[in-house]
């Protein structure tokens, strides 16, 4: 009697690394937050495009302020954010967030998954990296410089379309094709785009102020280095717009310079 082949698994479990925006609340007053978000992003309506965000409750933790998630979550969705988790809150704040359907994002990276025992499925680990959003009611996220380690450069040789995101964790990123509007490239080190850069480029994502962005055609939706960013709403100078250029950080200011080729 022939032996039937084993059934194909319906799913797989694996670890993933996500880079999410952390919205750090300085107030539990949703009306105040709504007004601040509206004023801050009135000139940059395309900055958020249903991007997932982590709600950082650290400033509200000591006071154990009550958070009205029934009002907060729809508010953030109206501003094109998709809240998926909370971090930094008190036990009561975090418990209320879980009831509202949010996960808890730990500040520290989780331990490596252990082998399952007794037939139980292993826990899926998600390492969440956060990047800064500057709003009047937000406090600057502390930037921690890490000792660089030898990490291979990530090379992407295919175009990145809207909605695609690539993150070179711990190293540099080289893209040999166009980065379309709505796409996002992120690196803890430098970013090189040898084609039109029309999406978002975030270098020095974990606080490396020496990181730079290089491209042969600068037409970005957003460029950022170590949390300092500039959007397309601020017009580029004629000597760098749609031309080879580099972006670097000078103190708290982004400097964009032409590249002579």
C-alpha atoms as a PDB file:
ATOM      1  CA  UNK A   1       0.000   0.000   0.000  1.00  0.00           C
ATOM      2  CA  UNK A   2       1.600   3.327  -1.046  1.00  0.00           C
ATOM      3  CA  UNK A   3       2.442   5.779   1.717  1.00  0.00           C
ATOM      4  CA  UNK A   4       0.725   9.139   1.330  1.00  0.00           C
ATOM      5  CA  UNK A   5       3.110  12.102   1.227  1.00  0.00           C
ATOM      6  CA  UNK A   6       3.056  14.322   4.298  1.00  0.00           C
ATOM      7  CA  UNK A   7       0.508  17.132   4.146  1.00  0.00           C
ATOM      8  CA  UNK A   8       1.872  20.563   3.279  1.00  0.00           C
ATOM      9  CA  UNK A   9       1.988  22.895   6.281  1.00  0.00           C
ATOM     10  CA  UNK A  10      -0.737  25.541   6.258  1.00  0.00           C
ATOM     11  CA  UNK A  11       1.591  28.170   7.731  1.00  0.00           C
ATOM     12  CA  UNK A  12       5.140  28.875   8.920  1.00  0.00           C
ATOM     13  CA  UNK A  13       6.441  30.743  11.950  1.00  0.00           C
ATOM     14  CA  UNK A  14       9.508  32.933  11.736  1.00  0.00           C
ATOM     15  CA  UNK A  15      11.090  35.920  13.441  1.00  0.00           C
ATOM     16  CA  UNK A  16      10.736  39.308  11.777  1.00  0.00           C
ATOM     17  CA  UNK A  17      12.227  42.768  12.317  1.00  0.00           C
ATOM     18  CA  UNK A  18       9.918  45.755  11.927  1.00  0.00           C
ATOM     19  CA  UNK A  19      10.763  49.446  11.794  1.00  0.00           C
ATOM     20  CA  UNK A  20       7.825  51.429  13.144  1.00  0.00           C
ATOM     21  CA  UNK A  21       7.174  55.062  13.961  1.00  0.00           C
ATOM     22  CA  UNK A  22       6.860  55.776  17.697  1.00  0.00           C
ATOM     23  CA  UNK A  23       4.251  58.424  18.559  1.00  0.00           C
ATOM     24  CA  UNK A  24       5.300  59.648  22.003  1.00  0.00           C
ATOM     25  CA  UNK A  25       2.330  61.159  23.801  1.00  0.00           C
ATOM     26  CA  UNK A  26       2.858  64.065  26.203  1.00  0.00           C
ATOM     27  CA  UNK A  27      -0.858  64.333  26.955  1.00  0.00           C
ATOM     28  CA  UNK A  28      -3.821  61.991  27.358  1.00  0.00           C
ATOM     29  CA  UNK A  29      -6.169  64.768  26.158  1.00  0.00           C
ATOM     30  CA  UNK A  30      -7.286  63.554  22.724  1.00  0.00           C
ATOM     31  CA  UNK A  31      -8.664  66.967  21.724  1.00  0.00           C
ATOM     32  CA  UNK A  32      -5.304  68.600  22.422  1.00  0.00           C
ATOM     33  CA  UNK A  33      -3.497  65.824  20.542  1.00  0.00           C
ATOM     34  CA  UNK A  34      -5.857  66.121  17.560  1.00  0.00           C
ATOM     35  CA  UNK A  35      -5.258  69.871  17.327  1.00  0.00           C
ATOM     36  CA  UNK A  36      -1.477  69.445  17.591  1.00  0.00           C
ATOM     37  CA  UNK A  37      -1.351  66.731  14.906  1.00  0.00           C
ATOM     38  CA  UNK A  38      -3.546  68.787  12.592  1.00  0.00           C
ATOM     39  CA  UNK A  39      -1.356  71.862  13.011  1.00  0.00           C
ATOM     40  CA  UNK A  40       1.956  69.990  12.776  1.00  0.00           C
ATOM     41  CA  UNK A  41       1.123  68.009   9.637  1.00  0.00           C
ATOM     42  CA  UNK A  42      -1.164  70.465   7.854  1.00  0.00           C
ATOM     43  CA  UNK A  43       1.575  71.159   5.299  1.00  0.00           C
ATOM     44  CA  UNK A  44       2.657  67.513   4.953  1.00  0.00           C
ATOM     45  CA  UNK A  45      -0.550  65.533   4.442  1.00  0.00           C
ATOM     46  CA  UNK A  46       1.300  62.711   2.693  1.00  0.00           C
ATOM     47  CA  UNK A  47       3.792  62.078   5.491  1.00  0.00           C
ATOM     48  CA  UNK A  48       1.692  59.215   6.866  1.00  0.00           C
ATOM     49  CA  UNK A  49       0.116  56.800   4.432  1.00  0.00           C
ATOM     50  CA  UNK A  50      -1.660  54.339   6.737  1.00  0.00           C
ATOM     51  CA  UNK A  51       1.715  53.582   8.321  1.00  0.00           C
ATOM     52  CA  UNK A  52       1.747  51.354  11.429  1.00  0.00           C
ATOM     53  CA  UNK A  53       2.707  53.224  14.609  1.00  0.00           C
ATOM     54  CA  UNK A  54       3.594  52.363  18.192  1.00  0.00           C
ATOM     55  CA  UNK A  55       1.984  54.556  20.860  1.00  0.00           C
ATOM     56  CA  UNK A  56       4.707  55.478  23.374  1.00  0.00           C
ATOM     57  CA  UNK A  57       3.152  56.211  26.786  1.00  0.00           C
ATOM     58  CA  UNK A  58       6.431  56.819  28.647  1.00  0.00           C
ATOM     59  CA  UNK A  59       5.643  60.466  29.573  1.00  0.00           C
ATOM     60  CA  UNK A  60       2.261  59.386  30.999  1.00  0.00           C
ATOM     61  CA  UNK A  61       3.555  56.383  32.939  1.00  0.00           C
ATOM     62  CA  UNK A  62       4.415  58.047  36.269  1.00  0.00           C
ATOM     63  CA  UNK A  63       1.070  59.814  36.539  1.00  0.00           C
ATOM     64  CA  UNK A  64      -0.678  56.607  35.394  1.00  0.00           C
ATOM     65  CA  UNK A  65      -2.982  58.862  33.368  1.00  0.00           C
ATOM     66  CA  UNK A  66      -6.031  57.177  31.914  1.00  0.00           C
ATOM     67  CA  UNK A  67      -5.933  56.810  28.136  1.00  0.00           C
ATOM     68  CA  UNK A  68      -9.212  56.853  26.223  1.00  0.00           C
ATOM     69  CA  UNK A  69      -8.334  54.330  23.530  1.00  0.00           C
ATOM     70  CA  UNK A  70     -11.897  54.419  22.166  1.00  0.00           C
ATOM     71  CA  UNK A  71     -11.237  58.039  21.161  1.00  0.00           C
ATOM     72  CA  UNK A  72      -7.474  57.823  20.559  1.00  0.00           C
ATOM     73  CA  UNK A  73      -7.406  54.991  18.018  1.00  0.00           C
ATOM     74  CA  UNK A  74      -9.964  56.510  15.593  1.00  0.00           C
ATOM     75  CA  UNK A  75      -8.176  59.860  15.967  1.00  0.00           C
ATOM     76  CA  UNK A  76      -4.854  58.385  14.843  1.00  0.00           C
ATOM     77  CA  UNK A  77      -6.528  56.575  11.935  1.00  0.00           C
ATOM     78  CA  UNK A  78      -8.001  59.900  10.772  1.00  0.00           C
ATOM     79  CA  UNK A  79      -4.431  61.178  10.590  1.00  0.00           C
ATOM     80  CA  UNK A  80      -3.494  58.202   8.346  1.00  0.00           C
ATOM     81  CA  UNK A  81      -1.753  56.251  11.129  1.00  0.00           C
ATOM     82  CA  UNK A  82      -2.523  52.629  11.994  1.00  0.00           C
ATOM     83  CA  UNK A  83      -1.910  52.036  15.736  1.00  0.00           C
ATOM     84  CA  UNK A  84      -0.694  48.479  16.323  1.00  0.00           C
ATOM     85  CA  UNK A  85       1.001  48.492  19.729  1.00  0.00           C
ATOM     86  CA  UNK A  86       1.893  50.458  22.860  1.00  0.00           C
ATOM     87  CA  UNK A  87       5.110  50.757  24.822  1.00  0.00           C
ATOM     88  CA  UNK A  88       6.380  52.450  27.965  1.00  0.00           C
ATOM     89  CA  UNK A  89       3.021  52.607  29.770  1.00  0.00           C
ATOM     90  CA  UNK A  90       2.066  51.571  33.285  1.00  0.00           C
ATOM     91  CA  UNK A  91       0.568  48.166  33.966  1.00  0.00           C
ATOM     92  CA  UNK A  92      -2.941  49.638  33.945  1.00  0.00           C
ATOM     93  CA  UNK A  93      -2.346  51.621  30.737  1.00  0.00           C
ATOM     94  CA  UNK A  94      -0.903  48.569  28.987  1.00  0.00           C
ATOM     95  CA  UNK A  95      -3.728  46.318  30.175  1.00  0.00           C
ATOM     96  CA  UNK A  96      -6.286  48.797  28.818  1.00  0.00           C
ATOM     97  CA  UNK A  97      -4.395  48.903  25.516  1.00  0.00           C
ATOM     98  CA  UNK A  98      -4.593  45.110  25.230  1.00  0.00           C
ATOM     99  CA  UNK A  99      -8.349  45.253  25.796  1.00  0.00           C
ATOM    100  CA  UNK A 100      -8.492  47.814  22.951  1.00  0.00           C
ATOM    101  CA  UNK A 101      -6.750  45.324  20.656  1.00  0.00           C
ATOM    102  CA  UNK A 102      -3.187  46.668  20.769  1.00  0.00           C
ATOM    103  CA  UNK A 103      -0.057  44.598  21.315  1.00  0.00           C
ATOM    104  CA  UNK A 104       2.755  45.494  23.712  1.00  0.00           C
ATOM    105  CA  UNK A 105       6.039  46.501  22.055  1.00  0.00           C
ATOM    106  CA  UNK A 106       8.978  46.002  24.386  1.00  0.00           C
ATOM    107  CA  UNK A 107      11.736  48.606  24.391  1.00  0.00           C
ATOM    108  CA  UNK A 108      14.454  45.945  24.432  1.00  0.00           C
ATOM    109  CA  UNK A 109      14.933  43.409  21.683  1.00  0.00           C
ATOM    110  CA  UNK A 110      13.405  40.047  22.661  1.00  0.00           C
ATOM    111  CA  UNK A 111      15.492  36.986  23.293  1.00  0.00           C
ATOM    112  CA  UNK A 112      16.028  34.538  20.462  1.00  0.00           C
ATOM    113  CA  UNK A 113      13.151  32.064  20.140  1.00  0.00           C
ATOM    114  CA  UNK A 114      13.632  28.771  21.972  1.00  0.00           C
ATOM    115  CA  UNK A 115      12.812  25.369  20.571  1.00  0.00           C
ATOM    116  CA  UNK A 116       9.255  24.316  21.289  1.00  0.00           C
ATOM    117  CA  UNK A 117       8.702  21.639  23.931  1.00  0.00           C
ATOM    118  CA  UNK A 118       5.835  19.274  24.524  1.00  0.00           C
ATOM    119  CA  UNK A 119       4.366  19.828  21.069  1.00  0.00           C
ATOM    120  CA  UNK A 120       3.585  23.501  21.742  1.00  0.00           C
ATOM    121  CA  UNK A 121       4.150  26.058  18.996  1.00  0.00           C
ATOM    122  CA  UNK A 122       7.119  28.393  19.568  1.00  0.00           C
ATOM    123  CA  UNK A 123       6.424  32.029  20.300  1.00  0.00           C
ATOM    124  CA  UNK A 124       6.830  34.295  17.286  1.00  0.00           C
ATOM    125  CA  UNK A 125       9.306  37.035  18.163  1.00  0.00           C
ATOM    126  CA  UNK A 126       8.971  40.508  16.631  1.00  0.00           C
ATOM    127  CA  UNK A 127      11.805  42.971  17.057  1.00  0.00           C
ATOM    128  CA  UNK A 128      10.390  46.467  16.820  1.00  0.00           C
ATOM    129  CA  UNK A 129      12.692  49.365  15.956  1.00  0.00           C
ATOM    130  CA  UNK A 130      11.170  52.827  16.323  1.00  0.00           C
ATOM    131  CA  UNK A 131      11.915  56.093  14.596  1.00  0.00           C
ATOM    132  CA  UNK A 132      11.118  59.585  15.781  1.00  0.00           C
ATOM    133  CA  UNK A 133       8.128  61.723  14.878  1.00  0.00           C
ATOM    134  CA  UNK A 134       8.350  65.377  15.942  1.00  0.00           C
ATOM    135  CA  UNK A 135       5.023  66.849  17.071  1.00  0.00           C
ATOM    136  CA  UNK A 136       4.551  69.735  19.490  1.00  0.00           C
ATOM    137  CA  UNK A 137       3.086  67.425  22.114  1.00  0.00           C
ATOM    138  CA  UNK A 138       5.859  64.858  21.601  1.00  0.00           C
ATOM    139  CA  UNK A 139       9.256  64.715  23.250  1.00  0.00           C
ATOM    140  CA  UNK A 140      12.392  63.937  21.247  1.00  0.00           C
ATOM    141  CA  UNK A 141      13.271  60.246  21.312  1.00  0.00           C
ATOM    142  CA  UNK A 142      16.649  59.692  22.947  1.00  0.00           C
ATOM    143  CA  UNK A 143      19.286  58.864  20.335  1.00  0.00           C
ATOM    144  CA  UNK A 144      21.773  56.199  21.381  1.00  0.00           C
ATOM    145  CA  UNK A 145      25.003  55.818  19.417  1.00  0.00           C
ATOM    146  CA  UNK A 146      26.131  52.247  19.101  1.00  0.00           C
ATOM    147  CA  UNK A 147      29.595  50.958  18.396  1.00  0.00           C
ATOM    148  CA  UNK A 148      29.584  50.028  14.696  1.00  0.00           C
ATOM    149  CA  UNK A 149      30.028  46.366  13.855  1.00  0.00           C
ATOM    150  CA  UNK A 150      31.042  44.684  10.636  1.00  0.00           C
ATOM    151  CA  UNK A 151      27.745  44.073   8.867  1.00  0.00           C
ATOM    152  CA  UNK A 152      27.601  43.244   5.144  1.00  0.00           C
ATOM    153  CA  UNK A 153      26.173  45.976   2.933  1.00  0.00           C
ATOM    154  CA  UNK A 154      22.669  45.187   1.676  1.00  0.00           C
ATOM    155  CA  UNK A 155      22.322  45.524  -2.112  1.00  0.00           C
ATOM    156  CA  UNK A 156      18.936  45.828  -3.846  1.00  0.00           C
ATOM    157  CA  UNK A 157      18.978  45.560  -7.639  1.00  0.00           C
ATOM    158  CA  UNK A 158      15.247  45.772  -8.367  1.00  0.00           C
ATOM    159  CA  UNK A 159      12.961  48.846  -8.378  1.00  0.00           C
ATOM    160  CA  UNK A 160      11.067  49.521  -5.163  1.00  0.00           C
ATOM    161  CA  UNK A 161       7.393  50.311  -5.704  1.00  0.00           C
ATOM    162  CA  UNK A 162       4.983  52.267  -3.522  1.00  0.00           C
ATOM    163  CA  UNK A 163       4.320  50.451  -0.250  1.00  0.00           C
ATOM    164  CA  UNK A 164       7.587  48.482  -0.285  1.00  0.00           C
ATOM    165  CA  UNK A 165      10.056  48.986   2.557  1.00  0.00           C
ATOM    166  CA  UNK A 166      13.671  47.797   2.880  1.00  0.00           C
ATOM    167  CA  UNK A 167      15.708  48.039   6.102  1.00  0.00           C
ATOM    168  CA  UNK A 168      19.475  47.437   6.274  1.00  0.00           C
ATOM    169  CA  UNK A 169      19.841  46.722   9.970  1.00  0.00           C
ATOM    170  CA  UNK A 170      23.267  47.562  11.336  1.00  0.00           C
ATOM    171  CA  UNK A 171      24.841  48.493   7.991  1.00  0.00           C
ATOM    172  CA  UNK A 172      24.651  50.369   4.696  1.00  0.00           C
ATOM    173  CA  UNK A 173      22.088  50.024   1.926  1.00  0.00           C
ATOM    174  CA  UNK A 174      22.820  50.229  -1.811  1.00  0.00           C
ATOM    175  CA  UNK A 175      19.909  50.438  -4.256  1.00  0.00           C
ATOM    176  CA  UNK A 176      20.688  50.028  -7.966  1.00  0.00           C
ATOM    177  CA  UNK A 177      17.192  50.873  -9.220  1.00  0.00           C
ATOM    178  CA  UNK A 178      14.541  53.542  -8.701  1.00  0.00           C
ATOM    179  CA  UNK A 179      12.868  54.099  -5.324  1.00  0.00           C
ATOM    180  CA  UNK A 180       9.322  55.100  -6.258  1.00  0.00           C
ATOM    181  CA  UNK A 181       7.109  57.584  -4.428  1.00  0.00           C
ATOM    182  CA  UNK A 182       5.582  55.752  -1.448  1.00  0.00           C
ATOM    183  CA  UNK A 183       8.496  53.303  -1.120  1.00  0.00           C
ATOM    184  CA  UNK A 184      10.831  53.504   1.874  1.00  0.00           C
ATOM    185  CA  UNK A 185      14.530  52.671   2.268  1.00  0.00           C
ATOM    186  CA  UNK A 186      16.026  52.572   5.759  1.00  0.00           C
ATOM    187  CA  UNK A 187      19.570  51.898   6.960  1.00  0.00           C
ATOM    188  CA  UNK A 188      21.438  52.190  10.223  1.00  0.00           C
ATOM    189  CA  UNK A 189      24.382  53.387   8.100  1.00  0.00           C
ATOM    190  CA  UNK A 190      24.597  55.137   4.727  1.00  0.00           C
ATOM    191  CA  UNK A 191      22.078  54.889   1.883  1.00  0.00           C
ATOM    192  CA  UNK A 192      23.223  54.895  -1.763  1.00  0.00           C
ATOM    193  CA  UNK A 193      20.591  55.093  -4.513  1.00  0.00           C
ATOM    194  CA  UNK A 194      22.076  54.896  -8.019  1.00  0.00           C
ATOM    195  CA  UNK A 195      18.784  55.851  -9.646  1.00  0.00           C
ATOM    196  CA  UNK A 196      15.946  58.326  -8.970  1.00  0.00           C
ATOM    197  CA  UNK A 197      15.122  58.608  -5.280  1.00  0.00           C
ATOM    198  CA  UNK A 198      11.443  59.571  -5.105  1.00  0.00           C
ATOM    199  CA  UNK A 199      10.304  57.821  -1.924  1.00  0.00           C
ATOM    200  CA  UNK A 200      11.485  58.055   1.681  1.00  0.00           C
ATOM    201  CA  UNK A 201      15.140  57.588   2.623  1.00  0.00           C
ATOM    202  CA  UNK A 202      16.019  57.224   6.329  1.00  0.00           C
ATOM    203  CA  UNK A 203      19.747  56.882   7.095  1.00  0.00           C
ATOM    204  CA  UNK A 204      21.289  56.561  10.550  1.00  0.00           C
ATOM    205  CA  UNK A 205      18.002  55.057  11.735  1.00  0.00           C
ATOM    206  CA  UNK A 206      19.463  54.068  15.114  1.00  0.00           C
ATOM    207  CA  UNK A 207      21.162  57.392  15.827  1.00  0.00           C
ATOM    208  CA  UNK A 208      24.253  57.402  13.592  1.00  0.00           C
ATOM    209  CA  UNK A 209      24.725  61.128  12.969  1.00  0.00           C
ATOM    210  CA  UNK A 210      27.605  60.428  10.574  1.00  0.00           C
ATOM    211  CA  UNK A 211      25.355  58.571   8.134  1.00  0.00           C
ATOM    212  CA  UNK A 212      24.690  60.083   4.706  1.00  0.00           C
ATOM    213  CA  UNK A 213      22.328  59.668   1.777  1.00  0.00           C
ATOM    214  CA  UNK A 214      23.705  59.573  -1.776  1.00  0.00           C
ATOM    215  CA  UNK A 215      21.679  59.490  -4.979  1.00  0.00           C
ATOM    216  CA  UNK A 216      22.143  60.188  -8.670  1.00  0.00           C
ATOM    217  CA  UNK A 217      18.707  61.847  -8.873  1.00  0.00           C
ATOM    218  CA  UNK A 218      17.280  63.558  -5.799  1.00  0.00           C
ATOM    219  CA  UNK A 219      13.463  63.811  -5.922  1.00  0.00           C
ATOM    220  CA  UNK A 220      12.542  62.537  -2.438  1.00  0.00           C
ATOM    221  CA  UNK A 221       9.267  62.369  -0.606  1.00  0.00           C
ATOM    222  CA  UNK A 222      11.305  62.531   2.606  1.00  0.00           C
ATOM    223  CA  UNK A 223      14.958  62.328   3.651  1.00  0.00           C
ATOM    224  CA  UNK A 224      16.040  61.754   7.241  1.00  0.00           C
ATOM    225  CA  UNK A 225      19.296  61.253   9.138  1.00  0.00           C
ATOM    226  CA  UNK A 226      19.304  60.250  12.820  1.00  0.00           C
ATOM    227  CA  UNK A 227      15.720  61.483  13.269  1.00  0.00           C
ATOM    228  CA  UNK A 228      16.189  64.898  11.596  1.00  0.00           C
ATOM    229  CA  UNK A 229      14.049  64.981   8.477  1.00  0.00           C
ATOM    230  CA  UNK A 230      12.959  67.115   5.527  1.00  0.00           C
ATOM    231  CA  UNK A 231       9.886  66.529   3.377  1.00  0.00           C
ATOM    232  CA  UNK A 232       9.023  67.284  -0.229  1.00  0.00           C
ATOM    233  CA  UNK A 233       6.930  70.259   0.892  1.00  0.00           C
ATOM    234  CA  UNK A 234      10.204  72.152   1.386  1.00  0.00           C
ATOM    235  CA  UNK A 235      11.371  72.854  -2.163  1.00  0.00           C
ATOM    236  CA  UNK A 236      14.875  71.686  -3.063  1.00  0.00           C
ATOM    237  CA  UNK A 237      17.444  74.165  -4.409  1.00  0.00           C
ATOM    238  CA  UNK A 238      17.842  74.093  -8.194  1.00  0.00           C
ATOM    239  CA  UNK A 239      21.431  72.818  -7.967  1.00  0.00           C
ATOM    240  CA  UNK A 240      20.309  69.540  -6.323  1.00  0.00           C
ATOM    241  CA  UNK A 241      16.693  68.997  -7.428  1.00  0.00           C
ATOM    242  CA  UNK A 242      16.534  65.955  -9.745  1.00  0.00           C
ATOM    243  CA  UNK A 243      20.344  65.895  -9.791  1.00  0.00           C
ATOM    244  CA  UNK A 244      23.140  63.886  -8.137  1.00  0.00           C
ATOM    245  CA  UNK A 245      23.300  64.959  -4.497  1.00  0.00           C
ATOM    246  CA  UNK A 246      24.261  63.947  -0.989  1.00  0.00           C
ATOM    247  CA  UNK A 247      22.457  64.586   2.295  1.00  0.00           C
ATOM    248  CA  UNK A 248      24.359  64.913   5.559  1.00  0.00           C
ATOM    249  CA  UNK A 249      23.766  66.182   9.079  1.00  0.00           C
ATOM    250  CA  UNK A 250      25.395  69.349  10.402  1.00  0.00           C
ATOM    251  CA  UNK A 251      24.425  69.600  14.054  1.00  0.00           C
ATOM    252  CA  UNK A 252      20.617  69.653  14.053  1.00  0.00           C
ATOM    253  CA  UNK A 253      20.355  70.698  10.395  1.00  0.00           C
ATOM    254  CA  UNK A 254      20.224  68.661   7.204  1.00  0.00           C
ATOM    255  CA  UNK A 255      22.643  69.819   4.519  1.00  0.00           C
ATOM    256  CA  UNK A 256      21.984  68.880   0.889  1.00  0.00           C
ATOM    257  CA  UNK A 257      24.889  69.310  -1.521  1.00  0.00           C
ATOM    258  CA  UNK A 258      25.390  68.534  -5.214  1.00  0.00           C
ATOM    259  CA  UNK A 259      27.700  65.716  -6.310  1.00  0.00           C
ATOM    260  CA  UNK A 260      29.946  66.486  -9.241  1.00  0.00           C
ATOM    261  CA  UNK A 261      29.981  63.488 -11.598  1.00  0.00           C
END
